[in-house]
Amino acid sequence: MVEFLDDTVINYDGSIWKCPAFIGWEGLVVGDLKSGLGDYRSSHNLDVWKKEECLDCAYLPFCFGGCRFLKLLRDGRIDDVDCRKAYFDATLGEFIRQDLRLRPKKG
């Protein structure tokens, strides 16, 4: 959600956030309804995934560096990717088998 330009969350007080998990975290508000959006490229580390290891990864299209919030919880900062490649490698086969098993039958 952080990487997509038009994805925002508006809190009850009119503050604008790039992810609902960030609401209330100091320094992660990106604007408000009165003033509009500010520049959040550095505070949210946009494009942090644009490095060789990510660009060469098959999971990039649905990962884009992983969840910034989980990175923040684990490390106290969002200055790098939250790589879940090992998880995807371990579970992808089962997810595909499950999808095929549960797919509605035609006819």
PDB file of N, CA and C in Angstrom:
ATOM      1  N   MET A   1       0.823  -1.191   0.000  1.00  0.00           N
ATOM      2  CA  MET A   1       0.000   0.000   0.000  1.00  0.00           C
ATOM      3  C   MET A   1       0.870   1.259   0.000  1.00  0.00           C
ATOM      4  N   VAL A   2       1.984   1.202   0.683  1.00  0.00           N
ATOM      5  CA  VAL A   2       2.872   2.359   0.783  1.00  0.00           C
ATOM      6  C   VAL A   2       3.395   2.775  -0.585  1.00  0.00           C
ATOM      7  N   GLU A   3       3.661   1.819  -1.442  1.00  0.00           N
ATOM      8  CA  GLU A   3       4.252   2.106  -2.747  1.00  0.00           C
ATOM      9  C   GLU A   3       3.257   2.623  -3.783  1.00  0.00           C
ATOM     10  N   PHE A   4       1.956   2.471  -3.552  1.00  0.00           N
ATOM     11  CA  PHE A   4       0.965   2.884  -4.534  1.00  0.00           C
ATOM     12  C   PHE A   4       0.501   4.307  -4.275  1.00  0.00           C
ATOM     13  N   LEU A   5       0.614   5.141  -5.276  1.00  0.00           N
ATOM     14  CA  LEU A   5       0.335   6.570  -5.155  1.00  0.00           C
ATOM     15  C   LEU A   5      -1.051   6.870  -4.600  1.00  0.00           C
ATOM     16  N   ASP A   6      -2.061   6.186  -5.067  1.00  0.00           N
ATOM     17  CA  ASP A   6      -3.432   6.521  -4.700  1.00  0.00           C
ATOM     18  C   ASP A   6      -3.969   5.770  -3.494  1.00  0.00           C
ATOM     19  N   ASP A   7      -3.177   4.953  -2.854  1.00  0.00           N
ATOM     20  CA  ASP A   7      -3.628   4.225  -1.673  1.00  0.00           C
ATOM     21  C   ASP A   7      -3.321   5.023  -0.417  1.00  0.00           C
ATOM     22  N   THR A   8      -4.364   5.484   0.239  1.00  0.00           N
ATOM     23  CA  THR A   8      -4.210   6.228   1.489  1.00  0.00           C
ATOM     24  C   THR A   8      -5.348   5.849   2.431  1.00  0.00           C
ATOM     25  N   VAL A   9      -5.164   6.177   3.691  1.00  0.00           N
ATOM     26  CA  VAL A   9      -6.176   5.965   4.711  1.00  0.00           C
ATOM     27  C   VAL A   9      -6.386   7.297   5.406  1.00  0.00           C
ATOM     28  N   ILE A  10      -7.629   7.652   5.623  1.00  0.00           N
ATOM     29  CA  ILE A  10      -7.942   8.900   6.318  1.00  0.00           C
ATOM     30  C   ILE A  10      -8.476   8.543   7.696  1.00  0.00           C
ATOM     31  N   ASN A  11      -7.828   9.071   8.707  1.00  0.00           N
ATOM     32  CA  ASN A  11      -8.212   8.815  10.092  1.00  0.00           C
ATOM     33  C   ASN A  11      -9.384   9.735  10.475  1.00  0.00           C
ATOM     34  N   TYR A  12     -10.015   9.455  11.596  1.00  0.00           N
ATOM     35  CA  TYR A  12     -11.167  10.220  12.056  1.00  0.00           C
ATOM     36  C   TYR A  12     -10.868  11.712  12.203  1.00  0.00           C
ATOM     37  N   ASP A  13      -9.602  12.072  12.461  1.00  0.00           N
ATOM     38  CA  ASP A  13      -9.234  13.468  12.671  1.00  0.00           C
ATOM     39  C   ASP A  13      -8.811  14.171  11.381  1.00  0.00           C
ATOM     40  N   GLY A  14      -8.933  13.477  10.258  1.00  0.00           N
ATOM     41  CA  GLY A  14      -8.561  14.067   8.975  1.00  0.00           C
ATOM     42  C   GLY A  14      -7.113  13.843   8.580  1.00  0.00           C
ATOM     43  N   SER A  15      -6.358  13.181   9.427  1.00  0.00           N
ATOM     44  CA  SER A  15      -4.968  12.897   9.074  1.00  0.00           C
ATOM     45  C   SER A  15      -4.929  11.806   8.008  1.00  0.00           C
ATOM     46  N   ILE A  16      -3.931  11.889   7.140  1.00  0.00           N
ATOM     47  CA  ILE A  16      -3.798  10.950   6.033  1.00  0.00           C
ATOM     48  C   ILE A  16      -2.574  10.083   6.274  1.00  0.00           C
ATOM     49  N   TRP A  17      -2.745   8.793   6.052  1.00  0.00           N
ATOM     50  CA  TRP A  17      -1.705   7.798   6.297  1.00  0.00           C
ATOM     51  C   TRP A  17      -1.581   6.905   5.071  1.00  0.00           C
ATOM     52  N   LYS A  18      -0.431   6.317   4.847  1.00  0.00           N
ATOM     53  CA  LYS A  18      -0.237   5.421   3.719  1.00  0.00           C
ATOM     54  C   LYS A  18      -0.620   3.985   4.043  1.00  0.00           C
ATOM     55  N   CYS A  19      -0.831   3.671   5.289  1.00  0.00           N
ATOM     56  CA  CYS A  19      -1.199   2.321   5.686  1.00  0.00           C
ATOM     57  C   CYS A  19      -1.991   2.413   6.996  1.00  0.00           C
ATOM     58  N   PRO A  20      -3.070   1.646   7.131  1.00  0.00           N
ATOM     59  CA  PRO A  20      -3.832   1.726   8.379  1.00  0.00           C
ATOM     60  C   PRO A  20      -3.013   1.322   9.604  1.00  0.00           C
ATOM     61  N   ALA A  21      -2.023   0.473   9.428  1.00  0.00           N
ATOM     62  CA  ALA A  21      -1.192   0.057  10.562  1.00  0.00           C
ATOM     63  C   ALA A  21      -0.323   1.197  11.086  1.00  0.00           C
ATOM     64  N   PHE A  22      -0.065   2.207  10.271  1.00  0.00           N
ATOM     65  CA  PHE A  22       0.779   3.332  10.678  1.00  0.00           C
ATOM     66  C   PHE A  22       0.037   4.374  11.507  1.00  0.00           C
ATOM     67  N   ILE A  23      -1.288   4.315  11.529  1.00  0.00           N
ATOM     68  CA  ILE A  23      -2.062   5.347  12.220  1.00  0.00           C
ATOM     69  C   ILE A  23      -1.607   5.457  13.672  1.00  0.00           C
ATOM     70  N   GLY A  24      -1.247   6.662  14.059  1.00  0.00           N
ATOM     71  CA  GLY A  24      -0.805   6.944  15.417  1.00  0.00           C
ATOM     72  C   GLY A  24       0.698   6.863  15.622  1.00  0.00           C
ATOM     73  N   TRP A  25       1.443   6.361  14.638  1.00  0.00           N
ATOM     74  CA  TRP A  25       2.902   6.269  14.770  1.00  0.00           C
ATOM     75  C   TRP A  25       3.531   7.609  14.377  1.00  0.00           C
ATOM     76  N   GLU A  26       4.226   8.193  15.317  1.00  0.00           N
ATOM     77  CA  GLU A  26       4.858   9.488  15.103  1.00  0.00           C
ATOM     78  C   GLU A  26       5.788   9.459  13.888  1.00  0.00           C
ATOM     79  N   GLY A  27       5.671  10.475  13.065  1.00  0.00           N
ATOM     80  CA  GLY A  27       6.534  10.612  11.899  1.00  0.00           C
ATOM     81  C   GLY A  27       6.040   9.889  10.661  1.00  0.00           C
ATOM     82  N   LEU A  28       4.918   9.179  10.772  1.00  0.00           N
ATOM     83  CA  LEU A  28       4.442   8.424   9.612  1.00  0.00           C
ATOM     84  C   LEU A  28       3.149   8.970   9.011  1.00  0.00           C
ATOM     85  N   VAL A  29       2.627  10.056   9.556  1.00  0.00           N
ATOM     86  CA  VAL A  29       1.485  10.723   8.937  1.00  0.00           C
ATOM     87  C   VAL A  29       1.992  11.402   7.657  1.00  0.00           C
ATOM     88  N   VAL A  30       1.201  11.336   6.596  1.00  0.00           N
ATOM     89  CA  VAL A  30       1.659  11.889   5.314  1.00  0.00           C
ATOM     90  C   VAL A  30       0.925  13.160   4.924  1.00  0.00           C
ATOM     91  N   GLY A  31       0.001  13.590   5.736  1.00  0.00           N
ATOM     92  CA  GLY A  31      -0.727  14.822   5.454  1.00  0.00           C
ATOM     93  C   GLY A  31      -2.039  14.855   6.193  1.00  0.00           C
ATOM     94  N   ASP A  32      -2.881  15.815   5.796  1.00  0.00           N
ATOM     95  CA  ASP A  32      -4.227  15.903   6.354  1.00  0.00           C
ATOM     96  C   ASP A  32      -5.158  16.483   5.303  1.00  0.00           C
ATOM     97  N   LEU A  33      -6.444  16.390   5.566  1.00  0.00           N
ATOM     98  CA  LEU A  33      -7.429  16.818   4.577  1.00  0.00           C
ATOM     99  C   LEU A  33      -7.350  18.312   4.279  1.00  0.00           C
ATOM    100  N   LYS A  34      -6.937  19.095   5.250  1.00  0.00           N
ATOM    101  CA  LYS A  34      -6.862  20.539   5.057  1.00  0.00           C
ATOM    102  C   LYS A  34      -5.648  20.929   4.206  1.00  0.00           C
ATOM    103  N   SER A  35      -4.490  20.342   4.500  1.00  0.00           N
ATOM    104  CA  SER A  35      -3.247  20.725   3.824  1.00  0.00           C
ATOM    105  C   SER A  35      -2.894  19.837   2.642  1.00  0.00           C
ATOM    106  N   GLY A  36      -3.446  18.632   2.601  1.00  0.00           N
ATOM    107  CA  GLY A  36      -3.124  17.698   1.535  1.00  0.00           C
ATOM    108  C   GLY A  36      -1.940  16.818   1.904  1.00  0.00           C
ATOM    109  N   LEU A  37      -1.441  16.098   0.919  1.00  0.00           N
ATOM    110  CA  LEU A  37      -0.319  15.184   1.133  1.00  0.00           C
ATOM    111  C   LEU A  37       1.002  15.930   1.142  1.00  0.00           C
ATOM    112  N   GLY A  38       1.888  15.489   2.001  1.00  0.00           N
ATOM    113  CA  GLY A  38       3.251  16.002   2.017  1.00  0.00           C
ATOM    114  C   GLY A  38       4.170  15.016   1.303  1.00  0.00           C
ATOM    115  N   ASP A  39       5.429  15.300   1.300  1.00  0.00           N
ATOM    116  CA  ASP A  39       6.416  14.416   0.675  1.00  0.00           C
ATOM    117  C   ASP A  39       6.811  13.345   1.690  1.00  0.00           C
ATOM    118  N   TYR A  40       6.464  12.129   1.410  1.00  0.00           N
ATOM    119  CA  TYR A  40       6.736  11.017   2.332  1.00  0.00           C
ATOM    120  C   TYR A  40       7.732  10.017   1.748  1.00  0.00           C
ATOM    121  N   ARG A  41       8.414  10.391   0.693  1.00  0.00           N
ATOM    122  CA  ARG A  41       9.348   9.454   0.056  1.00  0.00           C
ATOM    123  C   ARG A  41      10.428   8.970   1.011  1.00  0.00           C
ATOM    124  N   SER A  42      11.031   9.857   1.766  1.00  0.00           N
ATOM    125  CA  SER A  42      12.121   9.411   2.648  1.00  0.00           C
ATOM    126  C   SER A  42      11.592   8.811   3.957  1.00  0.00           C
ATOM    127  N   SER A  43      10.528   9.357   4.521  1.00  0.00           N
ATOM    128  CA  SER A  43      10.014   8.818   5.789  1.00  0.00           C
ATOM    129  C   SER A  43       9.477   7.401   5.633  1.00  0.00           C
ATOM    130  N   HIS A  44       8.989   7.074   4.448  1.00  0.00           N
ATOM    131  CA  HIS A  44       8.419   5.747   4.200  1.00  0.00           C
ATOM    132  C   HIS A  44       9.333   4.878   3.333  1.00  0.00           C
ATOM    133  N   ASN A  45      10.497   5.411   3.023  1.00  0.00           N
ATOM    134  CA  ASN A  45      11.494   4.685   2.228  1.00  0.00           C
ATOM    135  C   ASN A  45      10.909   4.072   0.962  1.00  0.00           C
ATOM    136  N   LEU A  46      10.283   4.930   0.179  1.00  0.00           N
ATOM    137  CA  LEU A  46       9.754   4.455  -1.094  1.00  0.00           C
ATOM    138  C   LEU A  46      10.895   3.921  -1.945  1.00  0.00           C
ATOM    139  N   ASP A  47      10.587   2.942  -2.719  1.00  0.00           N
ATOM    140  CA  ASP A  47      11.545   2.324  -3.641  1.00  0.00           C
ATOM    141  C   ASP A  47      12.681   1.596  -2.942  1.00  0.00           C
ATOM    142  N   VAL A  48      12.528   1.265  -1.667  1.00  0.00           N
ATOM    143  CA  VAL A  48      13.574   0.545  -0.937  1.00  0.00           C
ATOM    144  C   VAL A  48      13.850  -0.819  -1.586  1.00  0.00           C
ATOM    145  N   TRP A  49      12.879  -1.308  -2.315  1.00  0.00           N
ATOM    146  CA  TRP A  49      12.983  -2.609  -2.986  1.00  0.00           C
ATOM    147  C   TRP A  49      13.745  -2.534  -4.309  1.00  0.00           C
ATOM    148  N   LYS A  50      14.106  -1.349  -4.739  1.00  0.00           N
ATOM    149  CA  LYS A  50      14.799  -1.206  -6.028  1.00  0.00           C
ATOM    150  C   LYS A  50      16.294  -1.460  -5.856  1.00  0.00           C
ATOM    151  N   LYS A  51      16.586  -2.694  -5.492  1.00  0.00           N
ATOM    152  CA  LYS A  51      17.966  -3.132  -5.382  1.00  0.00           C
ATOM    153  C   LYS A  51      18.064  -4.503  -6.038  1.00  0.00           C
ATOM    154  N   GLU A  52      19.244  -4.907  -6.387  1.00  0.00           N
ATOM    155  CA  GLU A  52      19.449  -6.086  -7.213  1.00  0.00           C
ATOM    156  C   GLU A  52      18.753  -7.332  -6.677  1.00  0.00           C
ATOM    157  N   GLU A  53      18.878  -7.591  -5.380  1.00  0.00           N
ATOM    158  CA  GLU A  53      18.291  -8.818  -4.838  1.00  0.00           C
ATOM    159  C   GLU A  53      16.770  -8.839  -4.977  1.00  0.00           C
ATOM    160  N   CYS A  54      16.137  -7.692  -4.892  1.00  0.00           N
ATOM    161  CA  CYS A  54      14.683  -7.629  -5.063  1.00  0.00           C
ATOM    162  C   CYS A  54      14.296  -7.648  -6.541  1.00  0.00           C
ATOM    163  N   LEU A  55      15.015  -6.910  -7.346  1.00  0.00           N
ATOM    164  CA  LEU A  55      14.685  -6.841  -8.766  1.00  0.00           C
ATOM    165  C   LEU A  55      14.829  -8.195  -9.451  1.00  0.00           C
ATOM    166  N   ASP A  56      15.687  -9.050  -8.916  1.00  0.00           N
ATOM    167  CA  ASP A  56      15.880 -10.391  -9.472  1.00  0.00           C
ATOM    168  C   ASP A  56      14.954 -11.437  -8.844  1.00  0.00           C
ATOM    169  N   CYS A  57      14.109 -11.034  -7.923  1.00  0.00           N
ATOM    170  CA  CYS A  57      13.267 -11.972  -7.185  1.00  0.00           C
ATOM    171  C   CYS A  57      11.930 -12.196  -7.890  1.00  0.00           C
ATOM    172  N   ALA A  58      11.534 -13.454  -8.002  1.00  0.00           N
ATOM    173  CA  ALA A  58      10.265 -13.807  -8.645  1.00  0.00           C
ATOM    174  C   ALA A  58       9.054 -13.293  -7.873  1.00  0.00           C
ATOM    175  N   TYR A  59       9.195 -13.017  -6.595  1.00  0.00           N
ATOM    176  CA  TYR A  59       8.073 -12.587  -5.774  1.00  0.00           C
ATOM    177  C   TYR A  59       7.866 -11.066  -5.764  1.00  0.00           C
ATOM    178  N   LEU A  60       8.723 -10.327  -6.416  1.00  0.00           N
ATOM    179  CA  LEU A  60       8.630  -8.865  -6.408  1.00  0.00           C
ATOM    180  C   LEU A  60       7.246  -8.343  -6.791  1.00  0.00           C
ATOM    181  N   PRO A  61       6.563  -8.895  -7.796  1.00  0.00           N
ATOM    182  CA  PRO A  61       5.269  -8.330  -8.190  1.00  0.00           C
ATOM    183  C   PRO A  61       4.213  -8.278  -7.083  1.00  0.00           C
ATOM    184  N   PHE A  62       4.289  -9.131  -6.077  1.00  0.00           N
ATOM    185  CA  PHE A  62       3.325  -9.005  -4.988  1.00  0.00           C
ATOM    186  C   PHE A  62       3.981  -8.691  -3.656  1.00  0.00           C
ATOM    187  N   CYS A  63       5.241  -8.434  -3.641  1.00  0.00           N
ATOM    188  CA  CYS A  63       5.962  -8.140  -2.411  1.00  0.00           C
ATOM    189  C   CYS A  63       6.352  -6.658  -2.296  1.00  0.00           C
ATOM    190  N   PHE A  64       7.062  -6.154  -3.281  1.00  0.00           N
ATOM    191  CA  PHE A  64       7.569  -4.780  -3.286  1.00  0.00           C
ATOM    192  C   PHE A  64       8.274  -4.410  -1.985  1.00  0.00           C
ATOM    193  N   GLY A  65       9.074  -5.325  -1.499  1.00  0.00           N
ATOM    194  CA  GLY A  65       9.862  -5.047  -0.298  1.00  0.00           C
ATOM    195  C   GLY A  65       9.207  -5.459   0.998  1.00  0.00           C
ATOM    196  N   GLY A  66       8.040  -6.024   0.911  1.00  0.00           N
ATOM    197  CA  GLY A  66       7.373  -6.512   2.114  1.00  0.00           C
ATOM    198  C   GLY A  66       6.667  -5.426   2.900  1.00  0.00           C
ATOM    199  N   CYS A  67       6.202  -5.804   4.043  1.00  0.00           N
ATOM    200  CA  CYS A  67       5.398  -4.927   4.893  1.00  0.00           C
ATOM    201  C   CYS A  67       6.288  -4.002   5.715  1.00  0.00           C
ATOM    202  N   ARG A  68       6.134  -2.717   5.490  1.00  0.00           N
ATOM    203  CA  ARG A  68       6.924  -1.733   6.240  1.00  0.00           C
ATOM    204  C   ARG A  68       6.576  -1.779   7.730  1.00  0.00           C
ATOM    205  N   PHE A  69       5.312  -2.040   8.041  1.00  0.00           N
ATOM    206  CA  PHE A  69       4.906  -2.068   9.443  1.00  0.00           C
ATOM    207  C   PHE A  69       5.560  -3.215  10.200  1.00  0.00           C
ATOM    208  N   LEU A  70       5.605  -4.393   9.602  1.00  0.00           N
ATOM    209  CA  LEU A  70       6.272  -5.519  10.264  1.00  0.00           C
ATOM    210  C   LEU A  70       7.752  -5.226  10.467  1.00  0.00           C
ATOM    211  N   LYS A  71       8.363  -4.579   9.502  1.00  0.00           N
ATOM    212  CA  LYS A  71       9.765  -4.170   9.635  1.00  0.00           C
ATOM    213  C   LYS A  71       9.906  -3.181  10.800  1.00  0.00           C
ATOM    214  N   LEU A  72       8.988  -2.244  10.895  1.00  0.00           N
ATOM    215  CA  LEU A  72       9.006  -1.265  11.986  1.00  0.00           C
ATOM    216  C   LEU A  72       8.852  -1.937  13.338  1.00  0.00           C
ATOM    217  N   LEU A  73       7.933  -2.876  13.458  1.00  0.00           N
ATOM    218  CA  LEU A  73       7.739  -3.577  14.730  1.00  0.00           C
ATOM    219  C   LEU A  73       8.968  -4.383  15.132  1.00  0.00           C
ATOM    220  N   ARG A  74       9.544  -5.065  14.159  1.00  0.00           N
ATOM    221  CA  ARG A  74      10.679  -5.935  14.456  1.00  0.00           C
ATOM    222  C   ARG A  74      11.956  -5.146  14.723  1.00  0.00           C
ATOM    223  N   ASP A  75      12.221  -4.119  13.909  1.00  0.00           N
ATOM    224  CA  ASP A  75      13.513  -3.432  13.972  1.00  0.00           C
ATOM    225  C   ASP A  75      13.442  -1.982  14.440  1.00  0.00           C
ATOM    226  N   GLY A  76      12.237  -1.455  14.611  1.00  0.00           N
ATOM    227  CA  GLY A  76      12.093  -0.077  15.066  1.00  0.00           C
ATOM    228  C   GLY A  76      12.327   0.954  13.978  1.00  0.00           C
ATOM    229  N   ARG A  77      12.431   0.513  12.729  1.00  0.00           N
ATOM    230  CA  ARG A  77      12.659   1.433  11.604  1.00  0.00           C
ATOM    231  C   ARG A  77      12.213   0.748  10.308  1.00  0.00           C
ATOM    232  N   ILE A  78      12.056   1.553   9.254  1.00  0.00           N
ATOM    233  CA  ILE A  78      11.644   1.001   7.962  1.00  0.00           C
ATOM    234  C   ILE A  78      12.661   1.380   6.884  1.00  0.00           C
ATOM    235  N   ASP A  79      13.912   1.137   7.194  1.00  0.00           N
ATOM    236  CA  ASP A  79      14.980   1.556   6.297  1.00  0.00           C
ATOM    237  C   ASP A  79      15.463   0.466   5.352  1.00  0.00           C
ATOM    238  N   ASP A  80      14.792  -0.684   5.353  1.00  0.00           N
ATOM    239  CA  ASP A  80      15.178  -1.774   4.475  1.00  0.00           C
ATOM    240  C   ASP A  80      13.940  -2.624   4.185  1.00  0.00           C
ATOM    241  N   VAL A  81      14.086  -3.585   3.308  1.00  0.00           N
ATOM    242  CA  VAL A  81      12.964  -4.451   2.952  1.00  0.00           C
ATOM    243  C   VAL A  81      12.660  -5.436   4.089  1.00  0.00           C
ATOM    244  N   ASP A  82      11.447  -5.919   4.081  1.00  0.00           N
ATOM    245  CA  ASP A  82      11.021  -6.983   4.985  1.00  0.00           C
ATOM    246  C   ASP A  82      10.903  -8.237   4.126  1.00  0.00           C
ATOM    247  N   CYS A  83      12.033  -8.837   3.825  1.00  0.00           N
ATOM    248  CA  CYS A  83      12.089  -9.945   2.874  1.00  0.00           C
ATOM    249  C   CYS A  83      11.455 -11.201   3.458  1.00  0.00           C
ATOM    250  N   ARG A  84      10.519 -11.767   2.702  1.00  0.00           N
ATOM    251  CA  ARG A  84       9.841 -13.002   3.097  1.00  0.00           C
ATOM    252  C   ARG A  84      10.056 -14.110   2.068  1.00  0.00           C
ATOM    253  N   LYS A  85      11.163 -14.023   1.334  1.00  0.00           N
ATOM    254  CA  LYS A  85      11.446 -14.987   0.273  1.00  0.00           C
ATOM    255  C   LYS A  85      11.469 -16.425   0.805  1.00  0.00           C
ATOM    256  N   ALA A  86      12.086 -16.659   1.932  1.00  0.00           N
ATOM    257  CA  ALA A  86      12.139 -18.006   2.492  1.00  0.00           C
ATOM    258  C   ALA A  86      10.728 -18.534   2.779  1.00  0.00           C
ATOM    259  N   TYR A  87       9.860 -17.679   3.286  1.00  0.00           N
ATOM    260  CA  TYR A  87       8.468 -18.064   3.543  1.00  0.00           C
ATOM    261  C   TYR A  87       7.760 -18.408   2.235  1.00  0.00           C
ATOM    262  N   PHE A  88       7.894 -17.533   1.235  1.00  0.00           N
ATOM    263  CA  PHE A  88       7.250 -17.801  -0.052  1.00  0.00           C
ATOM    264  C   PHE A  88       7.783 -19.083  -0.674  1.00  0.00           C
ATOM    265  N   ASP A  89       9.078 -19.298  -0.595  1.00  0.00           N
ATOM    266  CA  ASP A  89       9.658 -20.530  -1.133  1.00  0.00           C
ATOM    267  C   ASP A  89       9.067 -21.760  -0.441  1.00  0.00           C
ATOM    268  N   ALA A  90       8.883 -21.662   0.862  1.00  0.00           N
ATOM    269  CA  ALA A  90       8.393 -22.810   1.635  1.00  0.00           C
ATOM    270  C   ALA A  90       6.899 -23.065   1.460  1.00  0.00           C
ATOM    271  N   THR A  91       6.130 -22.052   1.101  1.00  0.00           N
ATOM    272  CA  THR A  91       4.675 -22.204   1.079  1.00  0.00           C
ATOM    273  C   THR A  91       4.038 -22.118  -0.300  1.00  0.00           C
ATOM    274  N   LEU A  92       4.752 -21.658  -1.293  1.00  0.00           N
ATOM    275  CA  LEU A  92       4.149 -21.431  -2.604  1.00  0.00           C
ATOM    276  C   LEU A  92       3.499 -22.688  -3.176  1.00  0.00           C
ATOM    277  N   GLY A  93       4.178 -23.817  -3.127  1.00  0.00           N
ATOM    278  CA  GLY A  93       3.618 -25.050  -3.653  1.00  0.00           C
ATOM    279  C   GLY A  93       2.293 -25.407  -3.013  1.00  0.00           C
ATOM    280  N   GLU A  94       2.222 -25.294  -1.700  1.00  0.00           N
ATOM    281  CA  GLU A  94       0.975 -25.624  -0.995  1.00  0.00           C
ATOM    282  C   GLU A  94      -0.135 -24.633  -1.334  1.00  0.00           C
ATOM    283  N   PHE A  95       0.201 -23.360  -1.475  1.00  0.00           N
ATOM    284  CA  PHE A  95      -0.811 -22.377  -1.865  1.00  0.00           C
ATOM    285  C   PHE A  95      -1.391 -22.699  -3.235  1.00  0.00           C
ATOM    286  N   ILE A  96      -0.564 -23.091  -4.165  1.00  0.00           N
ATOM    287  CA  ILE A  96      -1.033 -23.442  -5.508  1.00  0.00           C
ATOM    288  C   ILE A  96      -1.908 -24.693  -5.454  1.00  0.00           C
ATOM    289  N   ARG A  97      -1.472 -25.717  -4.722  1.00  0.00           N
ATOM    290  CA  ARG A  97      -2.282 -26.932  -4.582  1.00  0.00           C
ATOM    291  C   ARG A  97      -3.629 -26.624  -3.927  1.00  0.00           C
ATOM    292  N   GLN A  98      -3.623 -25.783  -2.912  1.00  0.00           N
ATOM    293  CA  GLN A  98      -4.867 -25.400  -2.241  1.00  0.00           C
ATOM    294  C   GLN A  98      -5.784 -24.670  -3.210  1.00  0.00           C
ATOM    295  N   ASP A  99      -5.237 -23.758  -3.981  1.00  0.00           N
ATOM    296  CA  ASP A  99      -6.028 -23.015  -4.954  1.00  0.00           C
ATOM    297  C   ASP A  99      -6.675 -23.960  -5.966  1.00  0.00           C
ATOM    298  N   LEU A 100      -5.910 -24.912  -6.436  1.00  0.00           N
ATOM    299  CA  LEU A 100      -6.451 -25.876  -7.402  1.00  0.00           C
ATOM    300  C   LEU A 100      -7.525 -26.759  -6.771  1.00  0.00           C
ATOM    301  N   ARG A 101      -7.334 -27.175  -5.527  1.00  0.00           N
ATOM    302  CA  ARG A 101      -8.296 -28.011  -4.815  1.00  0.00           C
ATOM    303  C   ARG A 101      -9.611 -27.277  -4.569  1.00  0.00           C
ATOM    304  N   LEU A 102      -9.524 -26.018  -4.233  1.00  0.00           N
ATOM    305  CA  LEU A 102     -10.704 -25.258  -3.820  1.00  0.00           C
ATOM    306  C   LEU A 102     -11.355 -24.467  -4.957  1.00  0.00           C
ATOM    307  N   ARG A 103     -10.754 -24.511  -6.121  1.00  0.00           N
ATOM    308  CA  ARG A 103     -11.312 -23.780  -7.271  1.00  0.00           C
ATOM    309  C   ARG A 103     -12.687 -24.364  -7.610  1.00  0.00           C
ATOM    310  N   PRO A 104     -13.683 -23.495  -7.821  1.00  0.00           N
ATOM    311  CA  PRO A 104     -15.020 -23.997  -8.186  1.00  0.00           C
ATOM    312  C   PRO A 104     -14.960 -24.803  -9.488  1.00  0.00           C
ATOM    313  N   LYS A 105     -15.681 -25.878  -9.493  1.00  0.00           N
ATOM    314  CA  LYS A 105     -15.723 -26.727 -10.679  1.00  0.00           C
ATOM    315  C   LYS A 105     -16.702 -26.139 -11.695  1.00  0.00           C
ATOM    316  N   LYS A 106     -16.308 -26.174 -12.955  1.00  0.00           N
ATOM    317  CA  LYS A 106     -17.163 -25.647 -14.021  1.00  0.00           C
ATOM    318  C   LYS A 106     -18.190 -26.690 -14.415  1.00  0.00           C
ATOM    319  N   GLY A 107     -19.376 -26.188 -14.794  1.00  0.00           N
ATOM    320  CA  GLY A 107     -20.395 -27.072 -15.340  1.00  0.00           C
ATOM    321  C   GLY A 107     -21.191 -27.703 -14.343  1.00  0.00           C
TER     322      GLY A 107
END
